[in-house]
Amino acid sequence: MIEQKLKDVRSLLDKRKGEAHIIRNDISAKVKENKQLKVDLEKHEQALTIIKEVGRKTQEKLQYHMSDIATLAFDAILTNPYKLIVEFVERRDKIECDLLFERNGKFSKPLDSTGGGAVDIASFALRVASWSMQKPRSRKTMVLDEPFKNLDKSKQEKASTILKQISSTLGIQFIIITHEDKLTEAADRVFEVSIKNEISKVEQIR
């Protein structure tokens, strides 16, 4: 009877030893896993820091190109020019870009501005800025359909001049469709398109 109890106790002890061995192995594996998780966490934090820095520098570059090119175009065309303000803000866990016009310390949304064709100028400048930041850049040709249609007729010639300057500086060719004669003042070539009896006729006039 006593011998049987001793056997049962030994058997139970061996079982407990086996369980303890398994637990020790599990603890050792968890410790190693925890160490690896800490290493991975540090790497992820470092990667997140790098991503944030790259994002910040990208935003600064975008702000520089978008704001400066638009502001230069405003200065060249308008007598009382706007300044384009580019702001990156976080909404709903996403980064969004806000565009504002600033003049004499007052801010307004582009579509709320009136007169002067400011939105046309900004749209043109932003398109050029987007193209200039491409790597590699696409073909150096841009087609513009009535790019300054809302601009005062008195400022069309200035718009023509800025188009010529940007074309020369960036080496980009602008193909423009327009009804404004003044906008063609600085053009290298001018073609007139007329339609008669549903047939288009193209004639080079300069």
N, C-alpha and C. Protein backbone atom coordinates (compact mmCIF):
# COMPACT_ATOMS: atom_id res chain seq x y z
N MET A 1 0.83 -1.21 0.00
CA MET A 1 0.00 0.00 0.00
C MET A 1 0.86 1.25 0.00
N ILE A 2 1.87 1.25 0.92
CA ILE A 2 2.78 2.40 1.02
C ILE A 2 3.60 2.52 -0.24
N GLU A 3 4.04 1.34 -0.76
CA GLU A 3 4.86 1.35 -1.98
C GLU A 3 4.09 1.94 -3.16
N GLN A 4 2.81 1.60 -3.23
CA GLN A 4 1.97 2.12 -4.32
C GLN A 4 1.82 3.64 -4.23
N LYS A 5 1.66 4.11 -2.98
CA LYS A 5 1.55 5.56 -2.78
C LYS A 5 2.84 6.28 -3.18
N LEU A 6 3.98 5.61 -2.84
CA LEU A 6 5.27 6.20 -3.20
C LEU A 6 5.42 6.27 -4.73
N LYS A 7 4.97 5.19 -5.39
CA LYS A 7 5.02 5.18 -6.85
C LYS A 7 4.16 6.28 -7.44
N ASP A 8 2.97 6.47 -6.86
CA ASP A 8 2.06 7.52 -7.35
C ASP A 8 2.67 8.90 -7.15
N VAL A 9 3.32 9.07 -5.97
CA VAL A 9 3.94 10.37 -5.67
C VAL A 9 5.09 10.63 -6.64
N ARG A 10 5.91 9.55 -6.89
CA ARG A 10 7.04 9.71 -7.83
C ARG A 10 6.51 10.05 -9.23
N SER A 11 5.45 9.33 -9.61
CA SER A 11 4.86 9.57 -10.93
C SER A 11 4.35 11.00 -11.06
N LEU A 12 3.67 11.46 -10.00
CA LEU A 12 3.16 12.83 -10.01
C LEU A 12 4.29 13.84 -10.02
N LEU A 13 5.35 13.53 -9.26
CA LEU A 13 6.52 14.43 -9.22
C LEU A 13 7.19 14.52 -10.59
N ASP A 14 7.33 13.35 -11.24
CA ASP A 14 7.93 13.34 -12.59
C ASP A 14 7.07 14.16 -13.57
N LYS A 15 5.75 14.00 -13.38
CA LYS A 15 4.83 14.76 -14.26
C LYS A 15 5.00 16.25 -14.04
N ARG A 16 5.08 16.64 -12.76
CA ARG A 16 5.26 18.06 -12.43
C ARG A 16 6.60 18.58 -12.94
N LYS A 17 7.64 17.73 -12.86
CA LYS A 17 8.96 18.14 -13.36
C LYS A 17 8.88 18.39 -14.88
N GLY A 18 8.17 17.46 -15.55
CA GLY A 18 8.01 17.63 -17.00
C GLY A 18 7.25 18.91 -17.35
N GLU A 19 6.19 19.18 -16.59
CA GLU A 19 5.42 20.41 -16.81
C GLU A 19 6.27 21.65 -16.53
N ALA A 20 7.08 21.57 -15.45
CA ALA A 20 7.95 22.70 -15.10
C ALA A 20 8.98 22.95 -16.20
N HIS A 21 9.49 21.84 -16.77
CA HIS A 21 10.47 21.97 -17.86
C HIS A 21 9.84 22.65 -19.08
N ILE A 22 8.60 22.24 -19.38
CA ILE A 22 7.89 22.85 -20.51
C ILE A 22 7.64 24.34 -20.25
N ILE A 23 7.24 24.65 -19.00
CA ILE A 23 6.98 26.05 -18.63
C ILE A 23 8.25 26.89 -18.75
N ARG A 24 9.38 26.32 -18.26
CA ARG A 24 10.66 27.05 -18.35
C ARG A 24 11.03 27.31 -19.81
N ASN A 25 10.80 26.31 -20.67
CA ASN A 25 11.08 26.50 -22.10
C ASN A 25 10.18 27.57 -22.70
N ASP A 26 8.88 27.56 -22.28
CA ASP A 26 7.94 28.57 -22.78
C ASP A 26 8.37 29.96 -22.33
N ILE A 27 8.79 30.06 -21.06
CA ILE A 27 9.23 31.36 -20.54
C ILE A 27 10.45 31.85 -21.31
N SER A 28 11.39 30.95 -21.56
CA SER A 28 12.59 31.32 -22.30
C SER A 28 12.24 31.80 -23.71
N ALA A 29 11.29 31.07 -24.36
CA ALA A 29 10.88 31.46 -25.71
C ALA A 29 10.18 32.81 -25.69
N LYS A 30 9.33 33.04 -24.67
CA LYS A 30 8.63 34.31 -24.56
C LYS A 30 9.59 35.46 -24.30
N VAL A 31 10.62 35.20 -23.48
CA VAL A 31 11.62 36.23 -23.22
C VAL A 31 12.33 36.62 -24.50
N LYS A 32 12.72 35.60 -25.31
CA LYS A 32 13.38 35.88 -26.59
C LYS A 32 12.44 36.62 -27.54
N GLU A 33 11.17 36.18 -27.55
CA GLU A 33 10.18 36.84 -28.41
C GLU A 33 9.97 38.29 -27.99
N ASN A 34 9.94 38.52 -26.67
CA ASN A 34 9.77 39.88 -26.16
C ASN A 34 10.95 40.77 -26.55
N LYS A 35 12.16 40.21 -26.47
CA LYS A 35 13.34 40.97 -26.86
C LYS A 35 13.28 41.34 -28.35
N GLN A 36 12.85 40.35 -29.17
CA GLN A 36 12.75 40.60 -30.61
C GLN A 36 11.69 41.66 -30.90
N LEU A 37 10.56 41.58 -30.16
CA LEU A 37 9.49 42.57 -30.34
C LEU A 37 9.98 43.98 -29.99
N LYS A 38 10.80 44.08 -28.95
CA LYS A 38 11.36 45.38 -28.57
C LYS A 38 12.27 45.92 -29.68
N VAL A 39 13.08 45.00 -30.25
CA VAL A 39 13.97 45.41 -31.36
C VAL A 39 13.14 45.86 -32.55
N ASP A 40 12.08 45.08 -32.87
CA ASP A 40 11.20 45.44 -34.00
C ASP A 40 10.50 46.77 -33.74
N LEU A 41 10.06 46.98 -32.49
CA LEU A 41 9.38 48.23 -32.15
C LEU A 41 10.31 49.42 -32.34
N GLU A 42 11.56 49.28 -31.92
CA GLU A 42 12.54 50.36 -32.10
C GLU A 42 12.75 50.66 -33.57
N LYS A 43 12.82 49.58 -34.37
CA LYS A 43 13.00 49.77 -35.82
C LYS A 43 11.79 50.47 -36.44
N HIS A 44 10.60 50.05 -36.01
CA HIS A 44 9.38 50.69 -36.53
C HIS A 44 9.31 52.16 -36.13
N GLU A 45 9.72 52.46 -34.90
CA GLU A 45 9.71 53.85 -34.44
C GLU A 45 10.72 54.68 -35.23
N GLN A 46 11.89 54.08 -35.50
CA GLN A 46 12.90 54.77 -36.31
C GLN A 46 12.37 54.99 -37.73
N ALA A 47 11.72 53.95 -38.29
CA ALA A 47 11.16 54.08 -39.64
C ALA A 47 10.08 55.15 -39.68
N LEU A 48 9.23 55.19 -38.63
CA LEU A 48 8.17 56.19 -38.57
C LEU A 48 8.76 57.60 -38.50
N THR A 49 9.84 57.75 -37.74
CA THR A 49 10.52 59.05 -37.64
C THR A 49 11.05 59.48 -39.01
N ILE A 50 11.65 58.52 -39.73
CA ILE A 50 12.20 58.82 -41.06
C ILE A 50 11.08 59.20 -42.02
N ILE A 51 9.96 58.43 -41.97
CA ILE A 51 8.81 58.71 -42.85
C ILE A 51 8.26 60.10 -42.58
N LYS A 52 8.14 60.46 -41.29
CA LYS A 52 7.63 61.78 -40.93
C LYS A 52 8.56 62.88 -41.44
N GLU A 53 9.87 62.65 -41.33
CA GLU A 53 10.84 63.65 -41.78
C GLU A 53 10.78 63.81 -43.30
N VAL A 54 10.68 62.67 -44.00
CA VAL A 54 10.57 62.71 -45.46
C VAL A 54 9.28 63.44 -45.86
N GLY A 55 8.18 63.13 -45.14
CA GLY A 55 6.92 63.81 -45.41
C GLY A 55 7.01 65.30 -45.18
N ARG A 56 7.69 65.69 -44.10
CA ARG A 56 7.84 67.12 -43.79
C ARG A 56 8.64 67.82 -44.89
N LYS A 57 9.74 67.21 -45.32
CA LYS A 57 10.58 67.83 -46.35
C LYS A 57 9.84 67.87 -47.69
N THR A 58 9.04 66.82 -47.97
CA THR A 58 8.24 66.81 -49.19
C THR A 58 7.21 67.93 -49.17
N GLN A 59 6.57 68.11 -48.01
CA GLN A 59 5.59 69.19 -47.88
C GLN A 59 6.25 70.55 -48.06
N GLU A 60 7.45 70.72 -47.49
CA GLU A 60 8.17 71.99 -47.64
C GLU A 60 8.49 72.25 -49.12
N LYS A 61 8.90 71.18 -49.82
CA LYS A 61 9.23 71.32 -51.24
C LYS A 61 7.99 71.69 -52.04
N LEU A 62 6.87 71.01 -51.72
CA LEU A 62 5.61 71.31 -52.40
C LEU A 62 5.18 72.75 -52.13
N GLN A 63 5.29 73.17 -50.87
CA GLN A 63 4.92 74.53 -50.51
C GLN A 63 5.76 75.54 -51.28
N TYR A 64 7.06 75.26 -51.37
CA TYR A 64 7.97 76.17 -52.07
C TYR A 64 7.60 76.29 -53.54
N HIS A 65 7.46 75.15 -54.21
CA HIS A 65 7.18 75.17 -55.64
C HIS A 65 5.80 75.75 -55.94
N MET A 66 4.80 75.26 -55.22
CA MET A 66 3.42 75.69 -55.51
C MET A 66 3.22 77.15 -55.16
N SER A 67 3.64 77.56 -53.98
CA SER A 67 3.41 78.92 -53.52
C SER A 67 4.26 79.93 -54.30
N ASP A 68 5.55 79.64 -54.48
CA ASP A 68 6.44 80.61 -55.10
C ASP A 68 6.13 80.82 -56.58
N ILE A 69 5.88 79.72 -57.31
CA ILE A 69 5.59 79.87 -58.74
C ILE A 69 4.30 80.65 -58.94
N ALA A 70 3.27 80.32 -58.13
CA ALA A 70 2.00 81.04 -58.25
C ALA A 70 2.16 82.51 -57.88
N THR A 71 2.90 82.77 -56.81
CA THR A 71 3.09 84.15 -56.36
C THR A 71 3.86 84.96 -57.39
N LEU A 72 4.87 84.36 -58.02
CA LEU A 72 5.62 85.04 -59.08
C LEU A 72 4.71 85.37 -60.26
N ALA A 73 3.82 84.44 -60.59
CA ALA A 73 2.89 84.69 -61.69
C ALA A 73 1.92 85.81 -61.34
N PHE A 74 1.44 85.82 -60.10
CA PHE A 74 0.57 86.92 -59.64
C PHE A 74 1.29 88.26 -59.76
N ASP A 75 2.53 88.30 -59.26
CA ASP A 75 3.31 89.55 -59.28
C ASP A 75 3.52 90.06 -60.70
N ALA A 76 3.70 89.13 -61.64
CA ALA A 76 4.00 89.52 -63.02
C ALA A 76 2.77 90.01 -63.76
N ILE A 77 1.59 89.56 -63.34
CA ILE A 77 0.37 89.87 -64.10
C ILE A 77 -0.53 90.90 -63.42
N LEU A 78 -0.70 90.79 -62.10
CA LEU A 78 -1.65 91.64 -61.40
C LEU A 78 -0.98 92.86 -60.77
N THR A 79 -1.68 93.98 -60.76
CA THR A 79 -1.15 95.18 -60.13
C THR A 79 -1.26 95.13 -58.61
N ASN A 80 -2.27 94.46 -58.12
CA ASN A 80 -2.43 94.27 -56.67
C ASN A 80 -2.49 92.76 -56.43
N PRO A 81 -1.34 92.09 -56.50
CA PRO A 81 -1.32 90.63 -56.56
C PRO A 81 -1.68 89.93 -55.25
N TYR A 82 -2.14 88.71 -55.40
CA TYR A 82 -2.35 87.82 -54.27
C TYR A 82 -1.04 87.08 -53.98
N LYS A 83 -1.01 86.42 -52.86
CA LYS A 83 0.04 85.46 -52.55
C LYS A 83 -0.66 84.14 -52.28
N LEU A 84 -0.17 83.08 -52.89
CA LEU A 84 -0.78 81.77 -52.68
C LEU A 84 -0.20 81.14 -51.41
N ILE A 85 -1.07 80.77 -50.50
CA ILE A 85 -0.66 80.13 -49.26
C ILE A 85 -1.01 78.64 -49.35
N VAL A 86 -0.02 77.80 -49.12
CA VAL A 86 -0.22 76.35 -49.17
C VAL A 86 -0.06 75.81 -47.75
N GLU A 87 -1.08 75.16 -47.25
CA GLU A 87 -1.05 74.62 -45.89
C GLU A 87 -1.41 73.13 -45.92
N PHE A 88 -0.62 72.34 -45.20
CA PHE A 88 -0.91 70.92 -45.06
C PHE A 88 -1.47 70.68 -43.66
N VAL A 89 -2.67 70.13 -43.62
CA VAL A 89 -3.34 69.91 -42.33
C VAL A 89 -3.81 68.45 -42.24
N GLU A 90 -3.88 67.95 -41.01
CA GLU A 90 -4.32 66.57 -40.79
C GLU A 90 -5.81 66.56 -40.44
N ARG A 91 -6.57 65.83 -41.23
CA ARG A 91 -8.00 65.67 -41.00
C ARG A 91 -8.36 64.19 -41.16
N ARG A 92 -9.08 63.66 -40.21
CA ARG A 92 -9.52 62.26 -40.28
C ARG A 92 -8.34 61.32 -40.54
N ASP A 93 -7.22 61.60 -39.84
CA ASP A 93 -6.00 60.78 -39.94
C ASP A 93 -5.39 60.81 -41.33
N LYS A 94 -5.71 61.84 -42.11
CA LYS A 94 -5.12 62.00 -43.44
C LYS A 94 -4.59 63.43 -43.59
N ILE A 95 -3.52 63.56 -44.37
CA ILE A 95 -2.95 64.88 -44.64
C ILE A 95 -3.63 65.46 -45.87
N GLU A 96 -4.21 66.65 -45.70
CA GLU A 96 -4.87 67.33 -46.81
C GLU A 96 -4.19 68.67 -47.07
N CYS A 97 -4.30 69.14 -48.29
CA CYS A 97 -3.66 70.40 -48.69
C CYS A 97 -4.73 71.48 -48.88
N ASP A 98 -4.57 72.57 -48.15
CA ASP A 98 -5.47 73.72 -48.28
C ASP A 98 -4.76 74.83 -49.06
N LEU A 99 -5.48 75.43 -50.00
CA LEU A 99 -4.95 76.55 -50.78
C LEU A 99 -5.73 77.80 -50.43
N LEU A 100 -5.01 78.86 -50.10
CA LEU A 100 -5.64 80.13 -49.75
C LEU A 100 -4.96 81.26 -50.50
N PHE A 101 -5.72 82.31 -50.78
CA PHE A 101 -5.17 83.54 -51.32
C PHE A 101 -4.99 84.53 -50.18
N GLU A 102 -3.86 85.21 -50.17
CA GLU A 102 -3.62 86.25 -49.15
C GLU A 102 -3.28 87.55 -49.85
N ARG A 103 -3.96 88.61 -49.43
CA ARG A 103 -3.66 89.94 -49.98
C ARG A 103 -3.98 90.97 -48.90
N ASN A 104 -2.98 91.81 -48.64
CA ASN A 104 -3.13 92.85 -47.61
C ASN A 104 -3.54 92.29 -46.26
N GLY A 105 -2.98 91.11 -45.94
CA GLY A 105 -3.25 90.51 -44.64
C GLY A 105 -4.58 89.79 -44.54
N LYS A 106 -5.35 89.75 -45.63
CA LYS A 106 -6.65 89.08 -45.60
C LYS A 106 -6.58 87.78 -46.40
N PHE A 107 -7.20 86.74 -45.87
CA PHE A 107 -7.18 85.43 -46.49
C PHE A 107 -8.55 85.08 -47.07
N SER A 108 -8.53 84.37 -48.19
CA SER A 108 -9.78 83.93 -48.80
C SER A 108 -9.54 82.65 -49.57
N LYS A 109 -10.60 81.88 -49.75
CA LYS A 109 -10.50 80.69 -50.57
C LYS A 109 -10.45 81.12 -52.04
N PRO A 110 -9.67 80.40 -52.87
CA PRO A 110 -9.53 80.80 -54.28
C PRO A 110 -10.84 81.03 -55.00
N LEU A 111 -11.81 80.16 -54.82
CA LEU A 111 -13.09 80.30 -55.54
C LEU A 111 -13.95 81.43 -54.99
N ASP A 112 -13.56 81.97 -53.82
CA ASP A 112 -14.30 83.10 -53.26
C ASP A 112 -13.74 84.44 -53.73
N SER A 113 -12.57 84.40 -54.38
CA SER A 113 -11.96 85.65 -54.85
C SER A 113 -12.72 86.16 -56.06
N THR A 114 -12.67 87.46 -56.29
CA THR A 114 -13.41 88.03 -57.42
C THR A 114 -12.48 88.89 -58.27
N GLY A 115 -12.71 88.87 -59.57
CA GLY A 115 -11.97 89.74 -60.49
C GLY A 115 -10.53 89.33 -60.69
N GLY A 116 -9.98 89.79 -61.81
CA GLY A 116 -8.55 89.61 -62.06
C GLY A 116 -8.13 88.25 -62.55
N GLY A 117 -9.05 87.31 -62.62
CA GLY A 117 -8.68 85.97 -63.10
C GLY A 117 -7.65 85.30 -62.23
N ALA A 118 -7.67 85.58 -60.90
CA ALA A 118 -6.67 85.03 -59.98
C ALA A 118 -6.67 83.51 -59.98
N VAL A 119 -7.86 82.92 -60.07
CA VAL A 119 -7.94 81.45 -60.08
C VAL A 119 -7.28 80.89 -61.34
N ASP A 120 -7.47 81.57 -62.47
CA ASP A 120 -6.82 81.13 -63.71
C ASP A 120 -5.30 81.15 -63.57
N ILE A 121 -4.79 82.22 -62.97
CA ILE A 121 -3.33 82.34 -62.79
C ILE A 121 -2.82 81.25 -61.87
N ALA A 122 -3.52 81.04 -60.76
CA ALA A 122 -3.10 80.02 -59.80
C ALA A 122 -3.17 78.62 -60.42
N SER A 123 -4.22 78.35 -61.18
CA SER A 123 -4.37 77.04 -61.83
C SER A 123 -3.21 76.78 -62.79
N PHE A 124 -2.88 77.80 -63.58
CA PHE A 124 -1.76 77.67 -64.51
C PHE A 124 -0.46 77.44 -63.76
N ALA A 125 -0.21 78.22 -62.72
CA ALA A 125 1.03 78.10 -61.96
C ALA A 125 1.15 76.74 -61.28
N LEU A 126 0.05 76.25 -60.73
CA LEU A 126 0.07 74.94 -60.06
C LEU A 126 0.32 73.81 -61.06
N ARG A 127 -0.20 73.97 -62.25
CA ARG A 127 0.03 72.95 -63.27
C ARG A 127 1.51 72.91 -63.66
N VAL A 128 2.11 74.09 -63.81
CA VAL A 128 3.54 74.16 -64.14
C VAL A 128 4.37 73.61 -62.98
N ALA A 129 3.99 73.96 -61.75
CA ALA A 129 4.72 73.48 -60.57
C ALA A 129 4.66 71.96 -60.48
N SER A 130 3.49 71.38 -60.74
CA SER A 130 3.34 69.92 -60.70
C SER A 130 4.22 69.26 -61.75
N TRP A 131 4.25 69.85 -62.93
CA TRP A 131 5.09 69.29 -64.00
C TRP A 131 6.57 69.40 -63.64
N SER A 132 6.98 70.53 -63.07
CA SER A 132 8.40 70.75 -62.78
C SER A 132 8.92 69.82 -61.70
N MET A 133 8.01 69.27 -60.85
CA MET A 133 8.44 68.39 -59.76
C MET A 133 8.44 66.91 -60.16
N GLN A 134 8.00 66.60 -61.37
CA GLN A 134 8.00 65.21 -61.82
C GLN A 134 9.42 64.69 -62.00
N LYS A 135 9.65 63.45 -61.58
CA LYS A 135 10.94 62.80 -61.78
C LYS A 135 10.70 61.37 -62.24
N PRO A 136 11.03 61.04 -63.50
CA PRO A 136 11.46 61.97 -64.54
C PRO A 136 10.28 62.80 -65.04
N ARG A 137 10.60 63.94 -65.63
CA ARG A 137 9.55 64.79 -66.16
C ARG A 137 8.94 64.18 -67.42
N SER A 138 7.66 64.47 -67.61
CA SER A 138 6.99 64.01 -68.82
C SER A 138 7.44 64.87 -70.00
N ARG A 139 6.88 64.61 -71.14
CA ARG A 139 7.25 65.35 -72.35
C ARG A 139 7.11 66.85 -72.12
N LYS A 140 8.06 67.63 -72.64
CA LYS A 140 8.08 69.07 -72.39
C LYS A 140 7.09 69.83 -73.28
N THR A 141 5.86 69.39 -73.23
CA THR A 141 4.80 70.06 -73.99
C THR A 141 3.55 70.10 -73.12
N MET A 142 2.91 71.27 -73.06
CA MET A 142 1.70 71.42 -72.26
C MET A 142 0.63 72.10 -73.11
N VAL A 143 -0.54 71.48 -73.16
CA VAL A 143 -1.65 72.04 -73.93
C VAL A 143 -2.59 72.76 -72.97
N LEU A 144 -2.87 74.03 -73.26
CA LEU A 144 -3.71 74.85 -72.39
C LEU A 144 -4.90 75.38 -73.20
N ASP A 145 -6.10 75.09 -72.72
CA ASP A 145 -7.32 75.53 -73.40
C ASP A 145 -7.90 76.73 -72.65
N GLU A 146 -7.83 77.89 -73.29
CA GLU A 146 -8.31 79.14 -72.68
C GLU A 146 -7.78 79.30 -71.25
N PRO A 147 -6.44 79.30 -71.07
CA PRO A 147 -5.86 79.31 -69.72
C PRO A 147 -6.18 80.56 -68.90
N PHE A 148 -6.40 81.70 -69.57
CA PHE A 148 -6.65 82.95 -68.84
C PHE A 148 -7.96 83.60 -69.30
N LYS A 149 -8.97 82.78 -69.47
CA LYS A 149 -10.24 83.28 -70.02
C LYS A 149 -10.94 84.27 -69.10
N ASN A 150 -10.68 84.20 -67.78
CA ASN A 150 -11.32 85.12 -66.84
C ASN A 150 -10.46 86.34 -66.50
N LEU A 151 -9.29 86.41 -67.13
CA LEU A 151 -8.38 87.52 -66.86
C LEU A 151 -8.81 88.75 -67.66
N ASP A 152 -8.69 89.92 -67.02
CA ASP A 152 -9.03 91.16 -67.72
C ASP A 152 -8.25 91.27 -69.03
N LYS A 153 -8.89 91.78 -70.06
CA LYS A 153 -8.23 91.91 -71.36
C LYS A 153 -6.96 92.76 -71.27
N SER A 154 -6.96 93.72 -70.36
CA SER A 154 -5.79 94.60 -70.21
C SER A 154 -4.57 93.85 -69.68
N LYS A 155 -4.79 92.66 -69.11
CA LYS A 155 -3.68 91.90 -68.52
C LYS A 155 -3.29 90.69 -69.37
N GLN A 156 -3.97 90.50 -70.49
CA GLN A 156 -3.67 89.36 -71.35
C GLN A 156 -2.24 89.41 -71.91
N GLU A 157 -1.77 90.62 -72.23
CA GLU A 157 -0.42 90.76 -72.78
C GLU A 157 0.63 90.38 -71.74
N LYS A 158 0.40 90.77 -70.48
CA LYS A 158 1.33 90.39 -69.40
C LYS A 158 1.34 88.87 -69.22
N ALA A 159 0.16 88.26 -69.35
CA ALA A 159 0.08 86.80 -69.25
C ALA A 159 0.87 86.15 -70.37
N SER A 160 0.81 86.75 -71.56
CA SER A 160 1.58 86.24 -72.69
C SER A 160 3.07 86.30 -72.41
N THR A 161 3.50 87.39 -71.79
CA THR A 161 4.93 87.57 -71.46
C THR A 161 5.39 86.53 -70.45
N ILE A 162 4.60 86.28 -69.40
CA ILE A 162 5.00 85.30 -68.39
C ILE A 162 5.03 83.90 -68.97
N LEU A 163 4.12 83.61 -69.91
CA LEU A 163 4.14 82.32 -70.60
C LEU A 163 5.46 82.15 -71.37
N LYS A 164 5.89 83.21 -72.04
CA LYS A 164 7.14 83.16 -72.80
C LYS A 164 8.33 82.97 -71.87
N GLN A 165 8.33 83.67 -70.74
CA GLN A 165 9.44 83.56 -69.79
C GLN A 165 9.54 82.16 -69.20
N ILE A 166 8.40 81.60 -68.80
CA ILE A 166 8.40 80.26 -68.21
C ILE A 166 8.81 79.23 -69.26
N SER A 167 8.34 79.43 -70.49
CA SER A 167 8.71 78.52 -71.57
C SER A 167 10.22 78.51 -71.78
N SER A 168 10.83 79.70 -71.78
CA SER A 168 12.28 79.80 -71.98
C SER A 168 13.06 79.25 -70.79
N THR A 169 12.58 79.54 -69.58
CA THR A 169 13.29 79.12 -68.37
C THR A 169 13.25 77.61 -68.17
N LEU A 170 12.09 77.02 -68.37
CA LEU A 170 11.94 75.58 -68.12
C LEU A 170 12.09 74.72 -69.37
N GLY A 171 12.19 75.37 -70.53
CA GLY A 171 12.32 74.62 -71.76
C GLY A 171 11.07 73.84 -72.11
N ILE A 172 9.93 74.41 -71.78
CA ILE A 172 8.66 73.74 -72.03
C ILE A 172 7.89 74.46 -73.14
N GLN A 173 7.24 73.68 -73.99
CA GLN A 173 6.47 74.26 -75.10
C GLN A 173 5.00 74.33 -74.70
N PHE A 174 4.41 75.50 -74.82
CA PHE A 174 2.98 75.68 -74.55
C PHE A 174 2.22 75.74 -75.87
N ILE A 175 1.21 74.90 -75.98
CA ILE A 175 0.28 74.97 -77.10
C ILE A 175 -1.03 75.49 -76.53
N ILE A 176 -1.43 76.69 -76.96
CA ILE A 176 -2.55 77.38 -76.33
C ILE A 176 -3.69 77.59 -77.31
N ILE A 177 -4.89 77.26 -76.84
CA ILE A 177 -6.10 77.58 -77.60
C ILE A 177 -6.73 78.80 -76.92
N THR A 178 -6.92 79.88 -77.69
CA THR A 178 -7.45 81.10 -77.09
C THR A 178 -8.17 81.96 -78.13
N HIS A 179 -9.08 82.79 -77.62
CA HIS A 179 -9.74 83.78 -78.48
C HIS A 179 -9.15 85.16 -78.26
N GLU A 180 -8.19 85.26 -77.34
CA GLU A 180 -7.61 86.55 -76.97
C GLU A 180 -6.37 86.85 -77.81
N ASP A 181 -6.44 87.87 -78.65
CA ASP A 181 -5.29 88.23 -79.49
C ASP A 181 -4.08 88.65 -78.65
N LYS A 182 -4.33 89.36 -77.56
CA LYS A 182 -3.24 89.85 -76.72
C LYS A 182 -2.43 88.71 -76.10
N LEU A 183 -3.09 87.57 -75.87
CA LEU A 183 -2.39 86.44 -75.26
C LEU A 183 -1.40 85.79 -76.23
N THR A 184 -1.50 86.16 -77.51
CA THR A 184 -0.59 85.59 -78.50
C THR A 184 0.58 86.52 -78.82
N GLU A 185 0.67 87.65 -78.11
CA GLU A 185 1.69 88.66 -78.42
C GLU A 185 3.11 88.09 -78.39
N ALA A 186 3.42 87.23 -77.39
CA ALA A 186 4.79 86.71 -77.26
C ALA A 186 4.95 85.32 -77.87
N ALA A 187 3.93 84.86 -78.57
CA ALA A 187 3.98 83.51 -79.14
C ALA A 187 4.98 83.43 -80.29
N ASP A 188 5.62 82.28 -80.44
CA ASP A 188 6.55 82.07 -81.55
C ASP A 188 5.78 81.90 -82.86
N ARG A 189 4.67 81.18 -82.79
CA ARG A 189 3.85 80.97 -83.98
C ARG A 189 2.38 81.09 -83.58
N VAL A 190 1.59 81.63 -84.50
CA VAL A 190 0.16 81.79 -84.25
C VAL A 190 -0.61 81.22 -85.45
N PHE A 191 -1.56 80.36 -85.15
CA PHE A 191 -2.40 79.77 -86.19
C PHE A 191 -3.86 80.17 -85.92
N GLU A 192 -4.55 80.49 -86.98
CA GLU A 192 -5.96 80.84 -86.87
C GLU A 192 -6.79 79.69 -87.44
N VAL A 193 -7.77 79.25 -86.64
CA VAL A 193 -8.62 78.15 -87.08
C VAL A 193 -10.03 78.69 -87.32
N SER A 194 -10.53 78.43 -88.49
CA SER A 194 -11.90 78.86 -88.84
C SER A 194 -12.67 77.64 -89.34
N ILE A 195 -13.98 77.72 -89.21
CA ILE A 195 -14.83 76.61 -89.67
C ILE A 195 -15.85 77.13 -90.66
N LYS A 196 -15.90 76.50 -91.79
CA LYS A 196 -16.88 76.87 -92.81
C LYS A 196 -17.46 75.59 -93.41
N ASN A 197 -18.79 75.52 -93.41
CA ASN A 197 -19.48 74.32 -93.91
C ASN A 197 -18.97 73.06 -93.22
N GLU A 198 -18.79 73.21 -91.89
CA GLU A 198 -18.35 72.10 -91.03
C GLU A 198 -16.95 71.60 -91.39
N ILE A 199 -16.18 72.44 -92.08
CA ILE A 199 -14.80 72.07 -92.43
C ILE A 199 -13.87 73.08 -91.76
N SER A 200 -12.89 72.56 -91.03
CA SER A 200 -11.92 73.41 -90.34
C SER A 200 -10.81 73.84 -91.27
N LYS A 201 -10.45 75.09 -91.18
CA LYS A 201 -9.34 75.62 -91.98
C LYS A 201 -8.32 76.22 -91.03
N VAL A 202 -7.06 75.80 -91.16
CA VAL A 202 -5.98 76.28 -90.31
C VAL A 202 -5.02 77.11 -91.14
N GLU A 203 -4.77 78.33 -90.68
CA GLU A 203 -3.89 79.25 -91.41
C GLU A 203 -2.88 79.87 -90.44
N GLN A 204 -1.61 79.81 -90.82
CA GLN A 204 -0.58 80.43 -89.99
C GLN A 204 -0.55 81.93 -90.29
N ILE A 205 -0.74 82.73 -89.23
CA ILE A 205 -0.76 84.17 -89.44
C ILE A 205 0.50 84.84 -88.89
N ARG A 206 1.34 84.07 -88.17
CA ARG A 206 2.62 84.63 -87.72
C ARG A 206 3.61 83.49 -87.44
